């Protein structure tokens, strides 16, 4: 069993109930992977999103906005 202190949690995206203009922040050091995952997951919900690397309270992550 591997004990990786830097492993990422499974990303869960709160698309249910989001209105156009709503956003959420996910802390991560793997912003490119998280952005790709968020965009692909949004397609399964028939949503369009914009996702960017961002910082919140000094923590690196991504911010995802619903755009349609």
PDB file of N, CA and C in Angstrom:
ATOM      1  N   UNK A   1       0.846  -1.193   0.000  1.00  0.00           N
ATOM      2  CA  UNK A   1       0.000   0.000   0.000  1.00  0.00           C
ATOM      3  C   UNK A   1       0.882   1.244   0.000  1.00  0.00           C
ATOM      4  N   UNK A   2       0.589   2.129  -0.904  1.00  0.00           N
ATOM      5  CA  UNK A   2       1.365   3.354  -1.042  1.00  0.00           C
ATOM      6  C   UNK A   2       0.837   4.422  -0.088  1.00  0.00           C
ATOM      7  N   UNK A   3       1.742   5.128   0.547  1.00  0.00           N
ATOM      8  CA  UNK A   3       1.363   6.219   1.447  1.00  0.00           C
ATOM      9  C   UNK A   3       1.918   7.513   0.864  1.00  0.00           C
ATOM     10  N   UNK A   4       1.180   8.141  -0.021  1.00  0.00           N
ATOM     11  CA  UNK A   4       1.612   9.361  -0.677  1.00  0.00           C
ATOM     12  C   UNK A   4       0.984  10.557   0.021  1.00  0.00           C
ATOM     13  N   UNK A   5       1.810  11.331   0.705  1.00  0.00           N
ATOM     14  CA  UNK A   5       1.302  12.489   1.446  1.00  0.00           C
ATOM     15  C   UNK A   5       0.786  13.593   0.532  1.00  0.00           C
ATOM     16  N   UNK A   6       1.153  13.530  -0.752  1.00  0.00           N
ATOM     17  CA  UNK A   6       0.774  14.590  -1.666  1.00  0.00           C
ATOM     18  C   UNK A   6      -0.298  14.153  -2.655  1.00  0.00           C
ATOM     19  N   UNK A   7      -0.984  13.066  -2.377  1.00  0.00           N
ATOM     20  CA  UNK A   7      -2.023  12.610  -3.297  1.00  0.00           C
ATOM     21  C   UNK A   7      -3.236  13.525  -3.208  1.00  0.00           C
ATOM     22  N   UNK A   8      -3.900  13.694  -4.325  1.00  0.00           N
ATOM     23  CA  UNK A   8      -5.084  14.543  -4.407  1.00  0.00           C
ATOM     24  C   UNK A   8      -6.320  13.750  -4.008  1.00  0.00           C
ATOM     25  N   UNK A   9      -7.283  14.410  -3.405  1.00  0.00           N
ATOM     26  CA  UNK A   9      -8.563  13.743  -3.157  1.00  0.00           C
ATOM     27  C   UNK A   9      -9.332  13.597  -4.470  1.00  0.00           C
ATOM     28  N   UNK A  10     -10.379  12.832  -4.456  1.00  0.00           N
ATOM     29  CA  UNK A  10     -11.255  12.742  -5.621  1.00  0.00           C
ATOM     30  C   UNK A  10     -12.025  14.049  -5.709  1.00  0.00           C
ATOM     31  N   UNK A  11     -12.030  14.651  -6.889  1.00  0.00           N
ATOM     32  CA  UNK A  11     -12.726  15.928  -7.068  1.00  0.00           C
ATOM     33  C   UNK A  11     -14.208  15.681  -7.273  1.00  0.00           C
ATOM     34  N   UNK A  12     -15.021  16.364  -6.497  1.00  0.00           N
ATOM     35  CA  UNK A  12     -16.474  16.326  -6.648  1.00  0.00           C
ATOM     36  C   UNK A  12     -16.919  17.739  -7.030  1.00  0.00           C
ATOM     37  N   UNK A  13     -17.653  17.834  -8.115  1.00  0.00           N
ATOM     38  CA  UNK A  13     -18.057  19.138  -8.631  1.00  0.00           C
ATOM     39  C   UNK A  13     -19.539  19.377  -8.336  1.00  0.00           C
ATOM     40  N   UNK A  14     -19.869  20.478  -7.665  1.00  0.00           N
ATOM     41  CA  UNK A  14     -21.258  20.754  -7.260  1.00  0.00           C
ATOM     42  C   UNK A  14     -22.091  21.405  -8.363  1.00  0.00           C
ATOM     43  N   UNK A  15     -22.257  20.734  -9.494  1.00  0.00           N
ATOM     44  CA  UNK A  15     -23.004  21.309 -10.607  1.00  0.00           C
ATOM     45  C   UNK A  15     -24.508  21.351 -10.349  1.00  0.00           C
ATOM     46  N   UNK A  16     -25.034  20.398  -9.594  1.00  0.00           N
ATOM     47  CA  UNK A  16     -26.473  20.373  -9.311  1.00  0.00           C
ATOM     48  C   UNK A  16     -26.867  21.632  -8.542  1.00  0.00           C
ATOM     49  N   UNK A  17     -27.851  22.327  -9.055  1.00  0.00           N
ATOM     50  CA  UNK A  17     -28.344  23.520  -8.378  1.00  0.00           C
ATOM     51  C   UNK A  17     -27.596  24.796  -8.713  1.00  0.00           C
ATOM     52  N   UNK A  18     -26.568  24.711  -9.557  1.00  0.00           N
ATOM     53  CA  UNK A  18     -25.832  25.928  -9.924  1.00  0.00           C
ATOM     54  C   UNK A  18     -26.635  26.748 -10.923  1.00  0.00           C
ATOM     55  N   UNK A  19     -26.653  28.034 -10.732  1.00  0.00           N
ATOM     56  CA  UNK A  19     -27.272  28.977 -11.658  1.00  0.00           C
ATOM     57  C   UNK A  19     -26.173  29.608 -12.505  1.00  0.00           C
ATOM     58  N   UNK A  20     -26.545  30.183 -13.636  1.00  0.00           N
ATOM     59  CA  UNK A  20     -25.584  30.902 -14.463  1.00  0.00           C
ATOM     60  C   UNK A  20     -24.931  31.995 -13.621  1.00  0.00           C
ATOM     61  N   UNK A  21     -23.616  32.068 -13.655  1.00  0.00           N
ATOM     62  CA  UNK A  21     -22.873  33.057 -12.874  1.00  0.00           C
ATOM     63  C   UNK A  21     -22.363  32.527 -11.555  1.00  0.00           C
ATOM     64  N   UNK A  22     -22.873  31.388 -11.090  1.00  0.00           N
ATOM     65  CA  UNK A  22     -22.378  30.785  -9.851  1.00  0.00           C
ATOM     66  C   UNK A  22     -20.988  30.206 -10.093  1.00  0.00           C
ATOM     67  N   UNK A  23     -20.193  30.157  -9.037  1.00  0.00           N
ATOM     68  CA  UNK A  23     -18.867  29.571  -9.155  1.00  0.00           C
ATOM     69  C   UNK A  23     -18.531  28.805  -7.883  1.00  0.00           C
ATOM     70  N   UNK A  24     -17.489  27.999  -7.999  1.00  0.00           N
ATOM     71  CA  UNK A  24     -16.956  27.310  -6.817  1.00  0.00           C
ATOM     72  C   UNK A  24     -15.444  27.236  -6.950  1.00  0.00           C
ATOM     73  N   UNK A  25     -14.782  27.052  -5.813  1.00  0.00           N
ATOM     74  CA  UNK A  25     -13.323  26.972  -5.740  1.00  0.00           C
ATOM     75  C   UNK A  25     -12.953  25.594  -5.221  1.00  0.00           C
ATOM     76  N   UNK A  26     -11.951  24.991  -5.854  1.00  0.00           N
ATOM     77  CA  UNK A  26     -11.437  23.705  -5.389  1.00  0.00           C
ATOM     78  C   UNK A  26      -9.934  23.869  -5.159  1.00  0.00           C
ATOM     79  N   UNK A  27      -9.474  23.665  -3.931  1.00  0.00           N
ATOM     80  CA  UNK A  27      -8.037  23.749  -3.681  1.00  0.00           C
ATOM     81  C   UNK A  27      -7.320  22.549  -4.298  1.00  0.00           C
ATOM     82  N   UNK A  28      -6.251  22.817  -5.022  1.00  0.00           N
ATOM     83  CA  UNK A  28      -5.465  21.752  -5.647  1.00  0.00           C
ATOM     84  C   UNK A  28      -4.134  22.306  -6.126  1.00  0.00           C
ATOM     85  N   UNK A  29      -3.139  21.452  -6.156  1.00  0.00           N
ATOM     86  CA  UNK A  29      -1.862  21.813  -6.755  1.00  0.00           C
ATOM     87  C   UNK A  29      -1.791  21.339  -8.196  1.00  0.00           C
ATOM     88  N   UNK A  30      -2.772  20.560  -8.625  1.00  0.00           N
ATOM     89  CA  UNK A  30      -2.820  20.025  -9.979  1.00  0.00           C
ATOM     90  C   UNK A  30      -3.912  20.742 -10.769  1.00  0.00           C
ATOM     91  N   UNK A  31      -3.698  22.032 -11.000  1.00  0.00           N
ATOM     92  CA  UNK A  31      -4.752  22.841 -11.597  1.00  0.00           C
ATOM     93  C   UNK A  31      -5.121  22.389 -13.014  1.00  0.00           C
ATOM     94  N   UNK A  32      -4.148  22.015 -13.834  1.00  0.00           N
ATOM     95  CA  UNK A  32      -4.466  21.601 -15.204  1.00  0.00           C
ATOM     96  C   UNK A  32      -5.358  20.364 -15.208  1.00  0.00           C
ATOM     97  N   UNK A  33      -5.036  19.387 -14.376  1.00  0.00           N
ATOM     98  CA  UNK A  33      -5.851  18.171 -14.298  1.00  0.00           C
ATOM     99  C   UNK A  33      -7.246  18.466 -13.766  1.00  0.00           C
ATOM    100  N   UNK A  34      -7.330  19.329 -12.757  1.00  0.00           N
ATOM    101  CA  UNK A  34      -8.625  19.665 -12.165  1.00  0.00           C
ATOM    102  C   UNK A  34      -9.497  20.443 -13.147  1.00  0.00           C
ATOM    103  N   UNK A  35      -8.895  21.363 -13.899  1.00  0.00           N
ATOM    104  CA  UNK A  35      -9.647  22.125 -14.894  1.00  0.00           C
ATOM    105  C   UNK A  35     -10.198  21.185 -15.952  1.00  0.00           C
ATOM    106  N   UNK A  36      -9.364  20.290 -16.458  1.00  0.00           N
ATOM    107  CA  UNK A  36      -9.808  19.334 -17.460  1.00  0.00           C
ATOM    108  C   UNK A  36     -10.953  18.485 -16.907  1.00  0.00           C
ATOM    109  N   UNK A  37     -10.818  18.003 -15.689  1.00  0.00           N
ATOM    110  CA  UNK A  37     -11.856  17.171 -15.075  1.00  0.00           C
ATOM    111  C   UNK A  37     -13.161  17.937 -14.899  1.00  0.00           C
ATOM    112  N   UNK A  38     -13.074  19.199 -14.482  1.00  0.00           N
ATOM    113  CA  UNK A  38     -14.278  20.010 -14.276  1.00  0.00           C
ATOM    114  C   UNK A  38     -15.003  20.256 -15.590  1.00  0.00           C
ATOM    115  N   UNK A  39     -14.252  20.584 -16.630  1.00  0.00           N
ATOM    116  CA  UNK A  39     -14.872  20.850 -17.935  1.00  0.00           C
ATOM    117  C   UNK A  39     -15.514  19.582 -18.487  1.00  0.00           C
ATOM    118  N   UNK A  40     -14.824  18.456 -18.395  1.00  0.00           N
ATOM    119  CA  UNK A  40     -15.382  17.198 -18.888  1.00  0.00           C
ATOM    120  C   UNK A  40     -16.617  16.782 -18.081  1.00  0.00           C
ATOM    121  N   UNK A  41     -16.579  16.950 -16.773  1.00  0.00           N
ATOM    122  CA  UNK A  41     -17.724  16.596 -15.928  1.00  0.00           C
ATOM    123  C   UNK A  41     -18.923  17.493 -16.228  1.00  0.00           C
ATOM    124  N   UNK A  42     -18.671  18.772 -16.531  1.00  0.00           N
ATOM    125  CA  UNK A  42     -19.777  19.692 -16.824  1.00  0.00           C
ATOM    126  C   UNK A  42     -20.529  19.259 -18.077  1.00  0.00           C
ATOM    127  N   UNK A  43     -19.823  18.670 -19.037  1.00  0.00           N
ATOM    128  CA  UNK A  43     -20.464  18.200 -20.265  1.00  0.00           C
ATOM    129  C   UNK A  43     -21.487  17.108 -19.977  1.00  0.00           C
ATOM    130  N   UNK A  44     -21.221  16.286 -18.982  1.00  0.00           N
ATOM    131  CA  UNK A  44     -22.151  15.217 -18.608  1.00  0.00           C
ATOM    132  C   UNK A  44     -23.430  15.777 -17.999  1.00  0.00           C
ATOM    133  N   UNK A  45     -23.351  17.020 -17.506  1.00  0.00           N
ATOM    134  CA  UNK A  45     -24.520  17.709 -16.935  1.00  0.00           C
ATOM    135  C   UNK A  45     -25.136  18.676 -17.945  1.00  0.00           C
ATOM    136  N   UNK A  46     -24.648  18.651 -19.179  1.00  0.00           N
ATOM    137  CA  UNK A  46     -25.095  19.576 -20.227  1.00  0.00           C
ATOM    138  C   UNK A  46     -24.931  21.038 -19.822  1.00  0.00           C
ATOM    139  N   UNK A  47     -23.808  21.349 -19.179  1.00  0.00           N
ATOM    140  CA  UNK A  47     -23.495  22.712 -18.765  1.00  0.00           C
ATOM    141  C   UNK A  47     -22.233  23.175 -19.449  1.00  0.00           C
ATOM    142  N   UNK A  48     -22.117  24.490 -19.603  1.00  0.00           N
ATOM    143  CA  UNK A  48     -20.862  25.087 -20.048  1.00  0.00           C
ATOM    144  C   UNK A  48     -20.261  25.805 -18.863  1.00  0.00           C
ATOM    145  N   UNK A  49     -18.968  25.622 -18.673  1.00  0.00           N
ATOM    146  CA  UNK A  49     -18.270  26.278 -17.581  1.00  0.00           C
ATOM    147  C   UNK A  49     -16.978  26.892 -18.100  1.00  0.00           C
ATOM    148  N   UNK A  50     -16.474  27.839 -17.369  1.00  0.00           N
ATOM    149  CA  UNK A  50     -15.131  28.383 -17.552  1.00  0.00           C
ATOM    150  C   UNK A  50     -14.369  28.051 -16.288  1.00  0.00           C
ATOM    151  N   UNK A  51     -13.161  27.554 -16.439  1.00  0.00           N
ATOM    152  CA  UNK A  51     -12.359  27.172 -15.276  1.00  0.00           C
ATOM    153  C   UNK A  51     -10.957  27.750 -15.423  1.00  0.00           C
ATOM    154  N   UNK A  52     -10.438  28.307 -14.343  1.00  0.00           N
ATOM    155  CA  UNK A  52      -9.129  28.940 -14.351  1.00  0.00           C
ATOM    156  C   UNK A  52      -8.380  28.599 -13.070  1.00  0.00           C
ATOM    157  N   UNK A  53      -7.056  28.560 -13.173  1.00  0.00           N
ATOM    158  CA  UNK A  53      -6.234  28.465 -11.971  1.00  0.00           C
ATOM    159  C   UNK A  53      -6.459  29.749 -11.173  1.00  0.00           C
ATOM    160  N   UNK A  54      -6.552  29.616  -9.857  1.00  0.00           N
ATOM    161  CA  UNK A  54      -6.845  30.774  -9.012  1.00  0.00           C
ATOM    162  C   UNK A  54      -6.257  30.564  -7.624  1.00  0.00           C
ATOM    163  N   UNK A  55      -6.238  31.639  -6.855  1.00  0.00           N
ATOM    164  CA  UNK A  55      -5.845  31.554  -5.447  1.00  0.00           C
ATOM    165  C   UNK A  55      -6.967  32.124  -4.604  1.00  0.00           C
ATOM    166  N   UNK A  56      -7.199  31.502  -3.469  1.00  0.00           N
ATOM    167  CA  UNK A  56      -8.199  31.987  -2.525  1.00  0.00           C
ATOM    168  C   UNK A  56      -7.594  31.895  -1.129  1.00  0.00           C
ATOM    169  N   UNK A  57      -7.539  33.005  -0.451  1.00  0.00           N
ATOM    170  CA  UNK A  57      -6.958  33.060   0.891  1.00  0.00           C
ATOM    171  C   UNK A  57      -5.557  32.447   0.926  1.00  0.00           C
ATOM    172  N   UNK A  58      -4.781  32.679  -0.138  1.00  0.00           N
ATOM    173  CA  UNK A  58      -3.415  32.186  -0.201  1.00  0.00           C
ATOM    174  C   UNK A  58      -3.287  30.716  -0.556  1.00  0.00           C
ATOM    175  N   UNK A  59      -4.392  30.088  -0.958  1.00  0.00           N
ATOM    176  CA  UNK A  59      -4.387  28.667  -1.307  1.00  0.00           C
ATOM    177  C   UNK A  59      -4.564  28.529  -2.812  1.00  0.00           C
ATOM    178  N   UNK A  60      -3.692  27.734  -3.440  1.00  0.00           N
ATOM    179  CA  UNK A  60      -3.791  27.508  -4.881  1.00  0.00           C
ATOM    180  C   UNK A  60      -4.929  26.553  -5.187  1.00  0.00           C
ATOM    181  N   UNK A  61      -5.562  26.772  -6.345  1.00  0.00           N
ATOM    182  CA  UNK A  61      -6.640  25.886  -6.746  1.00  0.00           C
ATOM    183  C   UNK A  61      -7.216  26.321  -8.070  1.00  0.00           C
ATOM    184  N   UNK A  62      -8.472  25.959  -8.292  1.00  0.00           N
ATOM    185  CA  UNK A  62      -9.178  26.382  -9.502  1.00  0.00           C
ATOM    186  C   UNK A  62     -10.520  26.990  -9.121  1.00  0.00           C
ATOM    187  N   UNK A  63     -10.972  27.923  -9.942  1.00  0.00           N
ATOM    188  CA  UNK A  63     -12.304  28.491  -9.803  1.00  0.00           C
ATOM    189  C   UNK A  63     -13.061  28.125 -11.073  1.00  0.00           C
ATOM    190  N   UNK A  64     -14.293  27.623 -10.882  1.00  0.00           N
ATOM    191  CA  UNK A  64     -15.124  27.189 -11.991  1.00  0.00           C
ATOM    192  C   UNK A  64     -16.423  27.986 -11.963  1.00  0.00           C
ATOM    193  N   UNK A  65     -16.745  28.635 -13.108  1.00  0.00           N
ATOM    194  CA  UNK A  65     -17.975  29.415 -13.239  1.00  0.00           C
ATOM    195  C   UNK A  65     -18.923  28.714 -14.219  1.00  0.00           C
ATOM    196  N   UNK A  66     -20.193  28.720 -13.891  1.00  0.00           N
ATOM    197  CA  UNK A  66     -21.198  28.252 -14.856  1.00  0.00           C
ATOM    198  C   UNK A  66     -21.507  29.417 -15.789  1.00  0.00           C
ATOM    199  N   UNK A  67     -21.442  29.167 -17.107  1.00  0.00           N
ATOM    200  CA  UNK A  67     -21.646  30.247 -18.076  1.00  0.00           C
ATOM    201  C   UNK A  67     -22.898  30.066 -18.921  1.00  0.00           C
ATOM    202  N   UNK A  68     -23.592  28.925 -18.808  1.00  0.00           N
ATOM    203  CA  UNK A  68     -24.876  28.797 -19.535  1.00  0.00           C
ATOM    204  C   UNK A  68     -25.909  28.149 -18.670  1.00  0.00           C
TER     205      UNK A  68
END
